[in-house]
PDB file of all heavy atoms in Angstrom:
ATOM      1  N   GLU A   1     162.986  34.581-178.742  1.00  0.00           N
ATOM      2  CA  GLU A   1     161.906  33.591-178.757  1.00  0.00           C
ATOM      3  C   GLU A   1     160.884  33.912-179.839  1.00  0.00           C
ATOM      4  O   GLU A   1     160.371  33.010-180.519  1.00  0.00           O
ATOM      5  CB  GLU A   1     161.223  33.525-177.392  1.00  0.00           C
ATOM      6  CG  GLU A   1     160.211  32.412-177.244  1.00  0.00           C
ATOM      7  CD  GLU A   1     160.810  31.013-177.324  1.00  0.00           C
ATOM      8  OE1 GLU A   1     162.029  30.876-177.057  1.00  0.00           O
ATOM      9  OE2 GLU A   1     160.072  30.064-177.652  1.00  0.00           O
ATOM     10  N   ILE A   2     160.568  35.188-180.032  1.00  0.00           N
ATOM     11  CA  ILE A   2     159.656  35.575-181.107  1.00  0.00           C
ATOM     12  C   ILE A   2     160.258  35.196-182.460  1.00  0.00           C
ATOM     13  O   ILE A   2     159.584  34.614-183.322  1.00  0.00           O
ATOM     14  CB  ILE A   2     159.365  37.092-181.053  1.00  0.00           C
ATOM     15  CG1 ILE A   2     158.586  37.457-179.786  1.00  0.00           C
ATOM     16  CG2 ILE A   2     158.568  37.529-182.286  1.00  0.00           C
ATOM     17  CD1 ILE A   2     158.501  38.956-179.519  1.00  0.00           C
ATOM     18  N   ALA A   3     161.530  35.514-182.657  1.00  0.00           N
ATOM     19  CA  ALA A   3     162.193  35.213-183.934  1.00  0.00           C
ATOM     20  C   ALA A   3     162.192  33.718-184.227  1.00  0.00           C
ATOM     21  O   ALA A   3     162.069  33.295-185.381  1.00  0.00           O
ATOM     22  CB  ALA A   3     163.615  35.752-183.914  1.00  0.00           C
ATOM     23  N   LYS A   4     162.332  32.909-183.177  1.00  0.00           N
ATOM     24  CA  LYS A   4     162.377  31.449-183.332  1.00  0.00           C
ATOM     25  C   LYS A   4     161.003  30.854-183.600  1.00  0.00           C
ATOM     26  O   LYS A   4     160.896  29.770-184.191  1.00  0.00           O
ATOM     27  CB  LYS A   4     162.980  30.847-182.060  1.00  0.00           C
ATOM     28  CG  LYS A   4     163.214  29.348-182.101  1.00  0.00           C
ATOM     29  CD  LYS A   4     163.930  28.878-180.848  1.00  0.00           C
ATOM     30  CE  LYS A   4     163.015  28.869-179.637  1.00  0.00           C
ATOM     31  NZ  LYS A   4     163.654  28.251-178.448  1.00  0.00           N
ATOM     32  N   SER A   5     159.949  31.551-183.201  1.00  0.00           N
ATOM     33  CA  SER A   5     158.610  30.958-183.167  1.00  0.00           C
ATOM     34  C   SER A   5     157.787  31.163-184.421  1.00  0.00           C
ATOM     35  O   SER A   5     156.733  30.543-184.573  1.00  0.00           O
ATOM     36  CB  SER A   5     157.837  31.520-181.961  1.00  0.00           C
ATOM     37  OG  SER A   5     158.506  31.211-180.750  1.00  0.00           O
ATOM     38  N   PHE A   6     158.224  32.046-185.337  1.00  0.00           N
ATOM     39  CA  PHE A   6     157.425  32.352-186.523  1.00  0.00           C
ATOM     40  C   PHE A   6     158.311  32.303-187.765  1.00  0.00           C
ATOM     41  O   PHE A   6     159.482  32.679-187.714  1.00  0.00           O
ATOM     42  CB  PHE A   6     156.785  33.741-186.393  1.00  0.00           C
ATOM     43  CG  PHE A   6     155.823  33.847-185.247  1.00  0.00           C
ATOM     44  CD1 PHE A   6     156.266  34.271-184.002  1.00  0.00           C
ATOM     45  CD2 PHE A   6     154.495  33.502-185.398  1.00  0.00           C
ATOM     46  CE1 PHE A   6     155.396  34.363-182.930  1.00  0.00           C
ATOM     47  CE2 PHE A   6     153.614  33.586-184.340  1.00  0.00           C
ATOM     48  CZ  PHE A   6     154.062  34.015-183.102  1.00  0.00           C
ATOM     49  N   PRO A   7     157.749  31.875-188.908  1.00  0.00           N
ATOM     50  CA  PRO A   7     158.559  31.787-190.133  1.00  0.00           C
ATOM     51  C   PRO A   7     158.995  33.155-190.653  1.00  0.00           C
ATOM     52  O   PRO A   7     160.022  33.276-191.299  1.00  0.00           O
ATOM     53  CB  PRO A   7     157.628  31.090-191.126  1.00  0.00           C
ATOM     54  CG  PRO A   7     156.255  31.312-190.588  1.00  0.00           C
ATOM     55  CD  PRO A   7     156.389  31.355-189.104  1.00  0.00           C
ATOM     56  N   PHE A   8     158.180  34.175-190.394  1.00  0.00           N
ATOM     57  CA  PHE A   8     158.562  35.544-190.716  1.00  0.00           C
ATOM     58  C   PHE A   8     157.873  36.447-189.715  1.00  0.00           C
ATOM     59  O   PHE A   8     156.669  36.335-189.486  1.00  0.00           O
ATOM     60  CB  PHE A   8     158.138  35.943-192.138  1.00  0.00           C
ATOM     61  CG  PHE A   8     158.377  37.415-192.407  1.00  0.00           C
ATOM     62  CD1 PHE A   8     159.619  37.851-192.830  1.00  0.00           C
ATOM     63  CD2 PHE A   8     157.377  38.348-192.200  1.00  0.00           C
ATOM     64  CE1 PHE A   8     159.858  39.209-193.049  1.00  0.00           C
ATOM     65  CE2 PHE A   8     157.606  39.702-192.415  1.00  0.00           C
ATOM     66  CZ  PHE A   8     158.851  40.124-192.846  1.00  0.00           C
ATOM     67  N   VAL A   9     158.627  37.373-189.119  1.00  0.00           N
ATOM     68  CA  VAL A   9     158.036  38.295-188.159  1.00  0.00           C
ATOM     69  C   VAL A   9     158.885  39.549-188.099  1.00  0.00           C
ATOM     70  O   VAL A   9     160.116  39.488-188.190  1.00  0.00           O
ATOM     71  CB  VAL A   9     157.913  37.637-186.756  1.00  0.00           C
ATOM     72  CG1 VAL A   9     159.274  37.277-186.195  1.00  0.00           C
ATOM     73  CG2 VAL A   9     157.142  38.523-185.781  1.00  0.00           C
ATOM     74  N   GLU A  10     158.231  40.691-187.995  1.00  0.00           N
ATOM     75  CA  GLU A  10     158.936  41.951-187.790  1.00  0.00           C
ATOM     76  C   GLU A  10     159.216  42.118-186.298  1.00  0.00           C
ATOM     77  O   GLU A  10     158.290  42.059-185.476  1.00  0.00           O
ATOM     78  CB  GLU A  10     158.086  43.121-188.311  1.00  0.00           C
ATOM     79  CG  GLU A  10     157.890  43.068-189.813  1.00  0.00           C
ATOM     80  CD  GLU A  10     156.942  44.134-190.335  1.00  0.00           C
ATOM     81  OE1 GLU A  10     156.162  44.687-189.533  1.00  0.00           O
ATOM     82  OE2 GLU A  10     156.984  44.397-191.546  1.00  0.00           O
ATOM     83  N   LEU A  11     160.467  42.303-185.971  1.00  0.00           N
ATOM     84  CA  LEU A  11     160.885  42.379-184.567  1.00  0.00           C
ATOM     85  C   LEU A  11     160.952  43.845-184.161  1.00  0.00           C
ATOM     86  O   LEU A  11     161.906  44.558-184.461  1.00  0.00           O
ATOM     87  CB  LEU A  11     162.241  41.691-184.397  1.00  0.00           C
ATOM     88  CG  LEU A  11     162.219  40.208-184.768  1.00  0.00           C
ATOM     89  CD1 LEU A  11     163.624  39.654-184.880  1.00  0.00           C
ATOM     90  CD2 LEU A  11     161.406  39.411-183.758  1.00  0.00           C
ATOM     91  N   MET A  12     159.904  44.282-183.461  1.00  0.00           N
ATOM     92  CA  MET A  12     159.820  45.690-183.106  1.00  0.00           C
ATOM     93  C   MET A  12     159.009  45.866-181.824  1.00  0.00           C
ATOM     94  O   MET A  12     158.085  45.106-181.537  1.00  0.00           O
ATOM     95  CB  MET A  12     159.172  46.507-184.231  1.00  0.00           C
ATOM     96  CG  MET A  12     157.782  46.018-184.620  1.00  0.00           C
ATOM     97  SD  MET A  12     157.100  46.840-186.083  1.00  0.00           S
ATOM     98  CE  MET A  12     156.976  48.525-185.549  1.00  0.00           C
ATOM     99  N   ASP A  13     159.403  46.866-181.037  1.00  0.00           N
ATOM    100  CA  ASP A  13     158.626  47.339-179.881  1.00  0.00           C
ATOM    101  C   ASP A  13     158.354  46.270-178.834  1.00  0.00           C
ATOM    102  O   ASP A  13     157.319  46.310-178.152  1.00  0.00           O
ATOM    103  CB  ASP A  13     157.310  47.965-180.354  1.00  0.00           C
ATOM    104  CG  ASP A  13     157.545  49.306-181.040  1.00  0.00           C
ATOM    105  OD1 ASP A  13     158.698  49.755-181.065  1.00  0.00           O
ATOM    106  OD2 ASP A  13     156.576  49.893-181.545  1.00  0.00           O
ATOM    107  N   THR A  14     159.243  45.316-178.689  1.00  0.00           N
ATOM    108  CA  THR A  14     159.217  44.396-177.547  1.00  0.00           C
ATOM    109  C   THR A  14     160.182  44.954-176.506  1.00  0.00           C
ATOM    110  O   THR A  14     161.313  45.291-176.827  1.00  0.00           O
ATOM    111  CB  THR A  14     159.644  42.989-177.980  1.00  0.00           C
ATOM    112  OG1 THR A  14     158.602  42.407-178.774  1.00  0.00           O
ATOM    113  CG2 THR A  14     159.913  42.089-176.774  1.00  0.00           C
ATOM    114  N   TRP A  15     159.723  45.057-175.277  1.00  0.00           N
ATOM    115  CA  TRP A  15     160.605  45.643-174.274  1.00  0.00           C
ATOM    116  C   TRP A  15     160.255  45.166-172.867  1.00  0.00           C
ATOM    117  O   TRP A  15     159.239  44.503-172.643  1.00  0.00           O
ATOM    118  CB  TRP A  15     160.579  47.179-174.347  1.00  0.00           C
ATOM    119  CG  TRP A  15     159.496  47.860-173.595  1.00  0.00           C
ATOM    120  CD1 TRP A  15     159.583  48.440-172.370  1.00  0.00           C
ATOM    121  CD2 TRP A  15     158.132  48.050-174.001  1.00  0.00           C
ATOM    122  NE1 TRP A  15     158.380  48.993-171.996  1.00  0.00           N
ATOM    123  CE2 TRP A  15     157.464  48.766-172.985  1.00  0.00           C
ATOM    124  CE3 TRP A  15     157.395  47.680-175.150  1.00  0.00           C
ATOM    125  CZ2 TRP A  15     156.111  49.112-173.054  1.00  0.00           C
ATOM    126  CZ3 TRP A  15     156.049  48.028-175.216  1.00  0.00           C
ATOM    127  CH2 TRP A  15     155.430  48.737-174.191  1.00  0.00           C
ATOM    128  N   THR A  16     161.136  45.517-171.922  1.00  0.00           N
ATOM    129  CA  THR A  16     160.972  45.163-170.516  1.00  0.00           C
ATOM    130  C   THR A  16     161.072  46.419-169.665  1.00  0.00           C
ATOM    131  O   THR A  16     162.004  47.207-169.827  1.00  0.00           O
ATOM    132  CB  THR A  16     162.071  44.179-170.067  1.00  0.00           C
ATOM    133  OG1 THR A  16     161.992  43.003-170.873  1.00  0.00           O
ATOM    134  CG2 THR A  16     161.911  43.805-168.595  1.00  0.00           C
ATOM    135  N   TRP A  17     160.108  46.603-168.779  1.00  0.00           N
ATOM    136  CA  TRP A  17     160.258  47.566-167.694  1.00  0.00           C
ATOM    137  C   TRP A  17     160.697  46.782-166.465  1.00  0.00           C
ATOM    138  O   TRP A  17     160.040  45.814-166.064  1.00  0.00           O
ATOM    139  CB  TRP A  17     158.935  48.254-167.384  1.00  0.00           C
ATOM    140  CG  TRP A  17     158.621  49.449-168.224  1.00  0.00           C
ATOM    141  CD1 TRP A  17     159.470  50.415-168.647  1.00  0.00           C
ATOM    142  CD2 TRP A  17     157.322  49.803-168.730  1.00  0.00           C
ATOM    143  NE1 TRP A  17     158.803  51.358-169.380  1.00  0.00           N
ATOM    144  CE2 TRP A  17     157.482  51.020-169.447  1.00  0.00           C
ATOM    145  CE3 TRP A  17     156.046  49.237-168.649  1.00  0.00           C
ATOM    146  CZ2 TRP A  17     156.414  51.662-170.079  1.00  0.00           C
ATOM    147  CZ3 TRP A  17     154.988  49.878-169.259  1.00  0.00           C
ATOM    148  CH2 TRP A  17     155.173  51.071-169.976  1.00  0.00           C
ATOM    149  N   PHE A  18     161.785  47.177-165.890  1.00  0.00           N
ATOM    150  CA  PHE A  18     162.232  46.566-164.638  1.00  0.00           C
ATOM    151  C   PHE A  18     162.629  47.691-163.688  1.00  0.00           C
ATOM    152  O   PHE A  18     163.517  48.490-164.006  1.00  0.00           O
ATOM    153  CB  PHE A  18     163.414  45.614-164.864  1.00  0.00           C
ATOM    154  CG  PHE A  18     163.976  45.065-163.594  1.00  0.00           C
ATOM    155  CD1 PHE A  18     163.326  44.041-162.915  1.00  0.00           C
ATOM    156  CD2 PHE A  18     165.146  45.583-163.045  1.00  0.00           C
ATOM    157  CE1 PHE A  18     163.826  43.549-161.722  1.00  0.00           C
ATOM    158  CE2 PHE A  18     165.656  45.089-161.860  1.00  0.00           C
ATOM    159  CZ  PHE A  18     164.994  44.069-161.196  1.00  0.00           C
ATOM    160  N   GLN A  19     161.938  47.752-162.554  1.00  0.00           N
ATOM    161  CA  GLN A  19     162.190  48.823-161.592  1.00  0.00           C
ATOM    162  C   GLN A  19     162.610  48.225-160.253  1.00  0.00           C
ATOM    163  O   GLN A  19     162.213  47.098-159.907  1.00  0.00           O
ATOM    164  CB  GLN A  19     160.936  49.683-161.396  1.00  0.00           C
ATOM    165  CG  GLN A  19     160.405  50.336-162.658  1.00  0.00           C
ATOM    166  CD  GLN A  19     159.087  49.743-163.128  1.00  0.00           C
ATOM    167  OE1 GLN A  19     158.594  48.769-162.591  1.00  0.00           O
ATOM    168  NE2 GLN A  19     158.516  50.338-164.175  1.00  0.00           N
ATOM    169  N   SER A  20     163.382  49.014-159.511  1.00  0.00           N
ATOM    170  CA  SER A  20     163.825  48.582-158.181  1.00  0.00           C
ATOM    171  C   SER A  20     163.660  49.728-157.188  1.00  0.00           C
ATOM    172  O   SER A  20     163.719  50.909-157.562  1.00  0.00           O
ATOM    173  CB  SER A  20     165.301  48.157-158.223  1.00  0.00           C
ATOM    174  OG  SER A  20     166.135  49.251-158.570  1.00  0.00           O
ATOM    175  N   GLY A  21     163.432  49.366-155.922  1.00  0.00           N
ATOM    176  CA  GLY A  21     163.340  50.361-154.871  1.00  0.00           C
ATOM    177  C   GLY A  21     162.260  51.388-155.137  1.00  0.00           C
ATOM    178  O   GLY A  21     161.145  51.056-155.544  1.00  0.00           O
ATOM    179  N   ILE A  22     162.597  52.655-154.944  1.00  0.00           N
ATOM    180  CA  ILE A  22     161.613  53.726-155.124  1.00  0.00           C
ATOM    181  C   ILE A  22     161.087  53.793-156.552  1.00  0.00           C
ATOM    182  O   ILE A  22     159.967  54.267-156.794  1.00  0.00           O
ATOM    183  CB  ILE A  22     162.211  55.084-154.697  1.00  0.00           C
ATOM    184  CG1 ILE A  22     161.099  56.140-154.567  1.00  0.00           C
ATOM    185  CG2 ILE A  22     163.316  55.516-155.659  1.00  0.00           C
ATOM    186  CD1 ILE A  22     161.572  57.442-153.960  1.00  0.00           C
ATOM    187  N   ASN A  23     161.856  53.300-157.509  1.00  0.00           N
ATOM    188  CA  ASN A  23     161.412  53.337-158.905  1.00  0.00           C
ATOM    189  C   ASN A  23     160.193  52.471-159.162  1.00  0.00           C
ATOM    190  O   ASN A  23     159.548  52.597-160.214  1.00  0.00           O
ATOM    191  CB  ASN A  23     162.548  52.896-159.833  1.00  0.00           C
ATOM    192  CG  ASN A  23     163.694  53.879-159.860  1.00  0.00           C
ATOM    193  OD1 ASN A  23     163.540  55.029-159.463  1.00  0.00           O
ATOM    194  ND2 ASN A  23     164.858  53.431-160.316  1.00  0.00           N
ATOM    195  N   THR A  24     159.846  51.579-158.217  1.00  0.00           N
ATOM    196  CA  THR A  24     158.663  50.729-158.406  1.00  0.00           C
ATOM    197  C   THR A  24     157.363  51.481-158.150  1.00  0.00           C
ATOM    198  O   THR A  24     156.282  50.905-158.335  1.00  0.00           O
ATOM    199  CB  THR A  24     158.708  49.505-157.472  1.00  0.00           C
ATOM    200  OG1 THR A  24     158.645  49.946-156.102  1.00  0.00           O
ATOM    201  CG2 THR A  24     159.964  48.680-157.691  1.00  0.00           C
ATOM    202  N   ASP A  25     157.431  52.757-157.724  1.00  0.00           N
ATOM    203  CA  ASP A  25     156.182  53.422-157.363  1.00  0.00           C
ATOM    204  C   ASP A  25     155.267  53.662-158.556  1.00  0.00           C
ATOM    205  O   ASP A  25     154.062  53.803-158.398  1.00  0.00           O
ATOM    206  CB  ASP A  25     156.437  54.725-156.587  1.00  0.00           C
ATOM    207  CG  ASP A  25     157.146  55.800-157.405  1.00  0.00           C
ATOM    208  OD1 ASP A  25     157.639  55.497-158.515  1.00  0.00           O
ATOM    209  OD2 ASP A  25     157.220  56.942-156.908  1.00  0.00           O
ATOM    210  N   GLY A  26     155.827  53.693-159.765  1.00  0.00           N
ATOM    211  CA  GLY A  26     155.012  53.846-160.963  1.00  0.00           C
ATOM    212  C   GLY A  26     155.178  52.657-161.887  1.00  0.00           C
ATOM    213  O   GLY A  26     156.304  52.256-162.208  1.00  0.00           O
ATOM    214  N   ALA A  27     154.064  52.095-162.332  1.00  0.00           N
ATOM    215  CA  ALA A  27     154.120  50.885-163.158  1.00  0.00           C
ATOM    216  C   ALA A  27     154.844  51.115-164.472  1.00  0.00           C
ATOM    217  O   ALA A  27     155.437  50.194-165.041  1.00  0.00           O
ATOM    218  CB  ALA A  27     152.709  50.372-163.428  1.00  0.00           C
ATOM    219  N   HIS A  28     154.794  52.346-164.985  1.00  0.00           N
ATOM    220  CA  HIS A  28     155.385  52.640-166.291  1.00  0.00           C
ATOM    221  C   HIS A  28     156.632  53.499-166.165  1.00  0.00           C
ATOM    222  O   HIS A  28     157.028  54.163-167.129  1.00  0.00           O
ATOM    223  CB  HIS A  28     154.352  53.334-167.188  1.00  0.00           C
ATOM    224  CG  HIS A  28     153.120  52.525-167.419  1.00  0.00           C
ATOM    225  ND1 HIS A  28     151.926  53.058-167.872  1.00  0.00           N
ATOM    226  CD2 HIS A  28     152.884  51.195-167.252  1.00  0.00           C
ATOM    227  CE1 HIS A  28     151.023  52.103-167.975  1.00  0.00           C
ATOM    228  NE2 HIS A  28     151.566  50.969-167.606  1.00  0.00           N
ATOM    229  N   ASN A  29     157.257  53.488-165.000  1.00  0.00           N
ATOM    230  CA  ASN A  29     158.504  54.233-164.847  1.00  0.00           C
ATOM    231  C   ASN A  29     159.590  53.630-165.730  1.00  0.00           C
ATOM    232  O   ASN A  29     159.721  52.407-165.821  1.00  0.00           O
ATOM    233  CB  ASN A  29     158.970  54.218-163.391  1.00  0.00           C
ATOM    234  CG  ASN A  29     158.081  55.057-162.492  1.00  0.00           C
ATOM    235  OD1 ASN A  29     157.250  55.823-162.969  1.00  0.00           O
ATOM    236  ND2 ASN A  29     158.250  54.920-161.185  1.00  0.00           N
ATOM    237  N   PRO A  30     160.385  54.457-166.390  1.00  0.00           N
ATOM    238  CA  PRO A  30     161.404  53.920-167.296  1.00  0.00           C
ATOM    239  C   PRO A  30     162.523  53.197-166.557  1.00  0.00           C
ATOM    240  O   PRO A  30     162.773  53.438-165.372  1.00  0.00           O
ATOM    241  CB  PRO A  30     161.943  55.173-168.007  1.00  0.00           C
ATOM    242  CG  PRO A  30     161.637  56.295-167.071  1.00  0.00           C
ATOM    243  CD  PRO A  30     160.363  55.921-166.368  1.00  0.00           C
ATOM    244  N   VAL A  31     163.180  52.318-167.277  1.00  0.00           N
ATOM    245  CA  VAL A  31     164.350  51.624-166.746  1.00  0.00           C
ATOM    246  C   VAL A  31     165.468  52.647-166.518  1.00  0.00           C
ATOM    247  O   VAL A  31     165.677  53.548-167.338  1.00  0.00           O
ATOM    248  CB  VAL A  31     164.816  50.540-167.728  1.00  0.00           C
ATOM    249  CG1 VAL A  31     166.125  49.903-167.263  1.00  0.00           C
ATOM    250  CG2 VAL A  31     163.737  49.476-167.894  1.00  0.00           C
ATOM    251  N   THR A  32     166.195  52.484-165.422  1.00  0.00           N
ATOM    252  CA  THR A  32     167.328  53.362-165.124  1.00  0.00           C
ATOM    253  C   THR A  32     168.579  52.514-164.902  1.00  0.00           C
ATOM    254  O   THR A  32     168.540  51.282-164.997  1.00  0.00           O
ATOM    255  CB  THR A  32     167.069  54.208-163.853  1.00  0.00           C
ATOM    256  OG1 THR A  32     167.203  53.379-162.688  1.00  0.00           O
ATOM    257  CG2 THR A  32     165.686  54.832-163.876  1.00  0.00           C
ATOM    258  N   ASN A  33     169.663  53.195-164.532  1.00  0.00           N
ATOM    259  CA  ASN A  33     170.891  52.476-164.184  1.00  0.00           C
ATOM    260  C   ASN A  33     171.047  52.313-162.675  1.00  0.00           C
ATOM    261  O   ASN A  33     172.142  52.031-162.189  1.00  0.00           O
ATOM    262  CB  ASN A  33     172.118  53.171-164.780  1.00  0.00           C
ATOM    263  CG  ASN A  33     172.250  54.610-164.298  1.00  0.00           C
ATOM    264  OD1 ASN A  33     171.367  55.139-163.633  1.00  0.00           O
ATOM    265  ND2 ASN A  33     173.362  55.253-164.646  1.00  0.00           N
ATOM    266  N   ARG A  34     169.944  52.484-161.938  1.00  0.00           N
ATOM    267  CA  ARG A  34     170.003  52.247-160.489  1.00  0.00           C
ATOM    268  C   ARG A  34     170.453  50.812-160.222  1.00  0.00           C
ATOM    269  O   ARG A  34     169.986  49.868-160.883  1.00  0.00           O
ATOM    270  CB  ARG A  34     168.639  52.497-159.846  1.00  0.00           C
ATOM    271  CG  ARG A  34     168.632  52.315-158.328  1.00  0.00           C
ATOM    272  CD  ARG A  34     167.212  52.422-157.750  1.00  0.00           C
ATOM    273  NE  ARG A  34     167.221  52.331-156.295  1.00  0.00           N
ATOM    274  CZ  ARG A  34     167.231  51.198-155.604  1.00  0.00           C
ATOM    275  NH1 ARG A  34     167.259  50.026-156.252  1.00  0.00           N
ATOM    276  NH2 ARG A  34     167.225  51.209-154.283  1.00  0.00           N
TER     277      ARG A  34
END
């Protein structure tokens, strides 16, 4: 969506944190393969 929305843009450091179960206890806990 970023690439589509601007005539030129550097695509960097966009990411998603998604946690499940006990991993939700910290807002910045890294994504795992749980």
